[in-house]
Amino acid sequence: MKVPVRVGLVGREILASRSPWLHEREARAQELALRYELVDFTARDLADADLPRVLTELVASGFTGVNVTYPFKQAVIPLLTRLSPDAERIGAVNTVLFRGGERIGFNTDVTGFAEAVRTELVGADLASVVQLGAGGGGSATAFALLGLGTHRLTLVDADAGRAAALSARLARASPKHEIAVGSDADLATIVRACDGIVNATPLGMAKSPGSAVPPGLLEPRHWVADIVYFPLETELLRAAAAKGCRVLDGSAMAVGQAAAAFEIFTGRRADRARMREAFHAFPAPRG
């Protein structure tokens, strides 16, 4: 019997992730033996400081690679041999390939989010955007927005230093764009002046309920995107839809990044339409 390709996801509170379902279904469709495993630091009672040991153990166990999610998309970088150009530019990694003794970091979030905006928000005004969150996921969405044509991007993060660091990185990479750092205290003014809103924080997840933007600040002219996909309709998106805003949930980005990661792990082209169907066919949790 052929030994399956072993890959997985490393992060916290990820037991509800659809990644195993997406990758394994696509592998079966291509008659490829593949097993996708979840390494949940919370469920396994691991500390963040255990990340180096966990990666070493995964390599020794024969894993081909892993996806990386919150809170390790930036913390994993010092543990890698080298980065792809995108990952180096963005400063965050969500996919690691173990090959030939190397640990190679990639970022498929940026292409996943860009694909989602291009296909789901056709014609939306991207000129001025406020983004909540400047962590690993936020780094990817910010770079994607600038590549899509956003001229003015305002970053708001509970960690002002993190927002400032991302702003500086964006400014170095895209000096012709206007990058600003805002605060929660200024959010009403910032939202009033923007065309679109992106939530790149964990707020809105099933285990982190709430809305990154007070519903009262939303206007019908805004478009609103959320990278959270569990649940698909977050409190922010529900409030935005009620106001008549165009909304983009996290499913398209999740599928896009998963398809690109599948290609890195297996060297095979992923069928994105088939993976999108699989995403929406994911069995609802019981109980």
Protein backbone atom coordinates (compact mmCIF):
# COMPACT_ATOMS: atom_id res chain seq x y z
CA MET A 1 0.00 0.00 0.00
CA LYS A 2 1.34 3.40 -0.94
CA VAL A 3 2.42 5.56 2.01
CA PRO A 4 0.23 8.69 2.07
CA VAL A 5 1.60 12.19 1.80
CA ARG A 6 1.44 13.59 5.35
CA VAL A 7 0.64 17.27 5.77
CA GLY A 8 -1.17 19.29 8.39
CA LEU A 9 -2.10 22.54 10.08
CA VAL A 10 -0.31 24.07 13.07
CA GLY A 11 -2.09 26.64 15.21
CA ARG A 12 -4.47 27.26 18.10
CA GLU A 13 -8.16 26.34 18.37
CA ILE A 14 -8.21 24.80 14.90
CA LEU A 15 -10.19 21.61 15.51
CA ALA A 16 -13.09 23.03 13.47
CA SER A 17 -10.82 23.75 10.48
CA ARG A 18 -12.02 22.65 7.06
CA SER A 19 -8.44 22.18 5.82
CA PRO A 20 -8.34 18.37 6.30
CA TRP A 21 -11.64 18.04 4.42
CA LEU A 22 -10.47 20.27 1.54
CA HIS A 23 -7.05 18.72 1.06
CA GLU A 24 -8.09 15.10 1.49
CA ARG A 25 -11.12 15.42 -0.81
CA GLU A 26 -9.00 17.01 -3.54
CA ALA A 27 -6.35 14.32 -3.11
CA ARG A 28 -8.95 11.56 -3.45
CA ALA A 29 -10.31 13.18 -6.60
CA GLN A 30 -6.79 12.99 -8.02
CA GLU A 31 -6.28 9.41 -6.74
CA LEU A 32 -3.50 10.61 -4.45
CA ALA A 33 -2.94 9.15 -0.99
CA LEU A 34 -2.80 12.11 1.38
CA ARG A 35 -3.49 12.56 5.09
CA TYR A 36 -4.02 15.99 6.60
CA GLU A 37 -3.61 16.27 10.38
CA LEU A 38 -4.38 19.04 12.88
CA VAL A 39 -1.72 20.08 15.39
CA ASP A 40 -3.79 22.19 17.77
CA PHE A 41 -1.57 23.74 20.44
CA THR A 42 -4.58 24.52 22.63
CA ALA A 43 -6.06 21.02 22.49
CA ARG A 44 -2.62 19.46 23.09
CA ASP A 45 -1.84 21.83 25.97
CA LEU A 46 1.29 23.11 24.24
CA ALA A 47 2.94 26.48 24.85
CA ASP A 48 3.83 28.81 21.98
CA ALA A 49 7.47 28.20 22.88
CA ASP A 50 7.01 24.54 21.86
CA LEU A 51 6.79 25.52 18.16
CA PRO A 52 10.48 24.73 17.33
CA ARG A 53 10.20 21.28 18.89
CA VAL A 54 6.89 20.56 17.16
CA LEU A 55 8.29 21.46 13.73
CA THR A 56 11.34 19.26 14.33
CA GLU A 57 9.09 16.35 15.31
CA LEU A 58 6.90 16.81 12.23
CA VAL A 59 9.95 16.69 9.96
CA ALA A 60 11.22 13.57 11.74
CA SER A 61 7.78 11.96 11.38
CA GLY A 62 7.95 12.24 7.60
CA PHE A 63 5.62 15.18 7.01
CA THR A 64 5.89 16.79 3.57
CA GLY A 65 4.86 20.15 4.99
CA VAL A 66 2.35 22.07 7.07
CA ASN A 67 0.05 25.02 6.92
CA VAL A 68 0.54 27.55 9.70
CA THR A 69 -2.16 29.73 11.23
CA TYR A 70 -2.76 31.97 14.24
CA PRO A 71 -0.65 32.74 16.22
CA PHE A 72 2.40 31.41 14.37
CA LYS A 73 2.45 33.02 10.91
CA GLN A 74 5.27 35.34 11.92
CA ALA A 75 6.76 33.39 14.82
CA VAL A 76 7.58 30.49 12.47
CA ILE A 77 9.86 32.57 10.23
CA PRO A 78 13.09 32.28 12.32
CA LEU A 79 12.65 28.50 12.26
CA LEU A 80 12.77 28.26 8.47
CA THR A 81 15.66 27.79 6.06
CA ARG A 82 14.42 30.28 3.49
CA LEU A 83 11.33 32.11 2.28
CA SER A 84 9.60 32.48 -1.05
CA PRO A 85 9.75 36.04 -2.46
CA ASP A 86 6.12 36.66 -1.46
CA ALA A 87 6.60 35.42 2.10
CA GLU A 88 9.76 37.48 2.51
CA ARG A 89 8.06 40.62 1.19
CA ILE A 90 4.96 40.12 3.33
CA GLY A 91 6.75 39.03 6.49
CA ALA A 92 4.34 36.17 7.22
CA VAL A 93 4.16 32.47 6.36
CA ASN A 94 1.13 30.20 6.16
CA THR A 95 2.66 27.21 4.32
CA VAL A 96 5.92 25.39 5.04
CA LEU A 97 7.42 22.79 2.71
CA PHE A 98 9.91 20.27 4.10
CA ARG A 99 12.20 19.30 1.23
CA GLY A 100 15.80 18.16 0.97
CA GLY A 101 16.59 19.09 4.54
CA GLU A 102 15.13 22.56 4.10
CA ARG A 103 12.09 24.24 5.60
CA ILE A 104 10.78 26.61 2.95
CA GLY A 105 8.16 29.21 3.86
CA PHE A 106 5.43 30.42 1.50
CA ASN A 107 2.44 32.73 1.78
CA THR A 108 -0.64 31.58 -0.10
CA ASP A 109 -2.96 33.89 1.88
CA VAL A 110 -2.05 36.85 -0.32
CA THR A 111 -3.02 35.14 -3.57
CA GLY A 112 -6.08 33.59 -1.92
CA PHE A 113 -7.40 36.97 -0.79
CA ALA A 114 -6.56 38.69 -4.07
CA GLU A 115 -8.42 35.99 -6.03
CA ALA A 116 -11.41 36.36 -3.71
CA VAL A 117 -11.65 40.13 -4.17
CA ARG A 118 -11.20 39.93 -7.93
CA THR A 119 -13.92 37.32 -8.37
CA GLU A 120 -16.41 38.25 -5.64
CA LEU A 121 -16.17 42.07 -5.52
CA VAL A 122 -16.06 42.90 -9.21
CA GLY A 123 -16.30 46.64 -9.75
CA ALA A 124 -15.92 47.57 -6.08
CA ASP A 125 -14.09 50.83 -5.35
CA LEU A 126 -10.78 49.80 -3.77
CA ALA A 127 -9.19 53.26 -3.62
CA SER A 128 -9.46 53.79 0.13
CA VAL A 129 -9.65 50.87 2.56
CA VAL A 130 -9.47 50.50 6.33
CA GLN A 131 -8.12 47.19 7.58
CA LEU A 132 -8.61 45.92 11.11
CA GLY A 133 -5.71 43.69 12.11
CA ALA A 134 -2.01 43.83 11.27
CA GLY A 135 -0.87 40.33 12.19
CA GLY A 136 0.11 37.50 9.86
CA GLY A 137 -3.23 37.35 8.06
CA GLY A 138 -3.40 41.13 7.93
CA SER A 139 0.03 41.36 6.34
CA ALA A 140 -1.17 39.18 3.46
CA THR A 141 -4.46 41.03 2.93
CA ALA A 142 -2.72 44.41 3.08
CA PHE A 143 -0.21 43.48 0.38
CA ALA A 144 -3.01 41.99 -1.70
CA LEU A 145 -5.04 45.22 -1.45
CA LEU A 146 -2.14 47.35 -2.65
CA GLY A 147 -1.62 44.97 -5.55
CA LEU A 148 -5.31 45.23 -6.42
CA GLY A 149 -5.19 49.02 -6.66
CA THR A 150 -5.84 50.40 -3.18
CA HIS A 151 -4.18 53.82 -2.98
CA ARG A 152 -4.85 54.70 0.67
CA LEU A 153 -4.76 51.94 3.27
CA THR A 154 -5.37 52.64 6.94
CA LEU A 155 -4.34 49.99 9.47
CA VAL A 156 -5.99 49.68 12.87
CA ASP A 157 -4.71 47.15 15.38
CA ALA A 158 -4.97 46.78 19.15
CA ASP A 159 -1.16 46.54 19.08
CA ALA A 160 -0.09 49.95 17.76
CA GLY A 161 3.50 48.80 17.37
CA ARG A 162 2.46 45.90 15.15
CA ALA A 163 0.41 48.23 12.94
CA ALA A 164 3.35 50.64 12.68
CA ALA A 165 5.71 47.81 11.73
CA LEU A 166 3.39 46.59 8.97
CA SER A 167 2.89 50.16 7.76
CA ALA A 168 6.65 50.61 7.44
CA ARG A 169 7.00 47.32 5.55
CA LEU A 170 4.20 48.28 3.15
CA ALA A 171 5.67 51.74 2.60
CA ARG A 172 9.07 50.28 1.72
CA ALA A 173 7.53 47.84 -0.75
CA SER A 174 5.00 50.29 -2.25
CA PRO A 175 6.34 53.85 -1.77
CA LYS A 176 3.73 55.39 -4.09
CA HIS A 177 0.85 54.25 -1.89
CA GLU A 178 -0.49 56.10 1.12
CA ILE A 179 -0.27 53.95 4.25
CA ALA A 180 -1.66 55.26 7.53
CA VAL A 181 -2.01 53.91 11.06
CA GLY A 182 -5.19 54.66 12.95
CA SER A 183 -6.67 53.82 16.34
CA ASP A 184 -9.99 52.63 17.69
CA ALA A 185 -10.59 56.15 18.96
CA ASP A 186 -10.44 57.47 15.39
CA LEU A 187 -12.37 54.60 13.82
CA ALA A 188 -15.54 56.59 13.12
CA THR A 189 -13.61 59.22 11.15
CA ILE A 190 -11.56 56.58 9.32
CA VAL A 191 -14.58 54.51 8.29
CA ARG A 192 -16.45 57.61 7.14
CA ALA A 193 -13.64 58.35 4.69
CA CYS A 194 -13.11 54.83 3.32
CA ASP A 195 -14.65 52.82 0.50
CA GLY A 196 -14.10 49.36 1.94
CA ILE A 197 -13.45 47.58 5.22
CA VAL A 198 -11.44 44.41 5.83
CA ASN A 199 -11.48 42.45 9.07
CA ALA A 200 -8.18 40.60 9.38
CA THR A 201 -8.51 39.94 13.12
CA PRO A 202 -9.83 36.77 14.81
CA LEU A 203 -12.80 38.80 16.09
CA GLY A 204 -15.96 37.22 14.75
CA MET A 205 -14.77 33.63 15.02
CA ALA A 206 -17.06 31.24 16.87
CA LYS A 207 -14.74 31.38 19.88
CA SER A 208 -14.09 35.13 19.58
CA PRO A 209 -17.54 36.63 19.01
CA GLY A 210 -18.02 40.31 18.27
CA SER A 211 -17.61 42.81 15.45
CA ALA A 212 -14.39 44.60 14.62
CA VAL A 213 -16.42 47.61 13.48
CA PRO A 214 -19.47 48.95 15.35
CA PRO A 215 -22.50 48.38 13.06
CA GLY A 216 -23.52 52.00 13.43
CA LEU A 217 -20.47 53.10 11.43
CA LEU A 218 -21.39 51.04 8.36
CA GLU A 219 -23.00 52.68 5.33
CA PRO A 220 -24.62 51.06 2.26
CA ARG A 221 -21.83 52.45 0.04
CA HIS A 222 -19.20 50.38 1.88
CA TRP A 223 -18.03 46.94 0.86
CA VAL A 224 -16.99 44.72 3.77
CA ALA A 225 -14.69 41.68 3.72
CA ASP A 226 -13.90 39.26 6.53
CA ILE A 227 -11.16 36.64 6.49
CA VAL A 228 -12.93 34.63 9.21
CA TYR A 229 -14.76 31.61 7.79
CA PHE A 230 -16.01 29.87 10.93
CA PRO A 231 -18.73 31.02 10.98
CA LEU A 232 -19.12 32.20 7.39
CA GLU A 233 -21.52 34.93 8.42
CA THR A 234 -19.76 36.84 11.16
CA GLU A 235 -21.45 39.53 13.23
CA LEU A 236 -19.69 42.15 11.08
CA LEU A 237 -20.90 40.65 7.79
CA ARG A 238 -24.42 40.18 9.11
CA ALA A 239 -24.60 43.84 10.15
CA ALA A 240 -23.06 44.94 6.83
CA ALA A 241 -25.53 42.93 4.76
CA ALA A 242 -28.42 44.38 6.78
CA LYS A 243 -27.15 47.85 5.85
CA GLY A 244 -27.07 46.95 2.16
CA CYS A 245 -23.29 46.68 1.87
CA ARG A 246 -21.59 44.29 -0.54
CA VAL A 247 -19.94 41.60 1.56
CA LEU A 248 -17.16 39.06 1.07
CA ASP A 249 -16.97 36.17 3.52
CA GLY A 250 -13.84 34.15 4.24
CA SER A 251 -14.68 31.14 2.08
CA ALA A 252 -13.11 32.31 -1.19
CA MET A 253 -9.84 33.23 0.50
CA ALA A 254 -9.83 29.94 2.43
CA VAL A 255 -10.29 27.94 -0.78
CA GLY A 256 -7.73 29.97 -2.71
CA GLN A 257 -5.00 29.63 -0.11
CA ALA A 258 -5.76 25.92 0.37
CA ALA A 259 -5.55 25.22 -3.36
CA ALA A 260 -2.19 26.98 -3.62
CA ALA A 261 -0.89 25.11 -0.56
CA PHE A 262 -2.07 21.79 -2.02
CA GLU A 263 -0.04 22.55 -5.14
CA ILE A 264 3.07 23.31 -3.06
CA PHE A 265 2.71 20.10 -1.04
CA THR A 266 1.91 17.75 -3.92
CA GLY A 267 3.28 19.36 -7.07
CA ARG A 268 -0.15 18.83 -8.66
CA ARG A 269 -2.59 21.42 -9.97
CA ALA A 270 -5.61 21.83 -7.70
CA ASP A 271 -9.10 22.10 -9.14
CA ARG A 272 -10.32 25.29 -7.46
CA ALA A 273 -13.94 24.88 -8.53
CA ARG A 274 -13.99 21.38 -7.07
CA MET A 275 -12.38 22.60 -3.83
CA ARG A 276 -14.94 25.41 -3.61
CA GLU A 277 -17.74 22.85 -3.91
CA ALA A 278 -16.07 20.74 -1.23
CA PHE A 279 -15.79 23.74 1.09
CA HIS A 280 -19.54 24.36 0.94
CA ALA A 281 -20.27 20.63 1.26
CA PHE A 282 -18.44 20.47 4.60
CA PRO A 283 -20.66 18.59 7.10
CA ALA A 284 -22.27 20.83 9.72
CA PRO A 285 -21.07 20.07 13.26
CA ARG A 286 -23.42 17.94 15.36
CA GLY A 287 -24.88 18.85 18.68
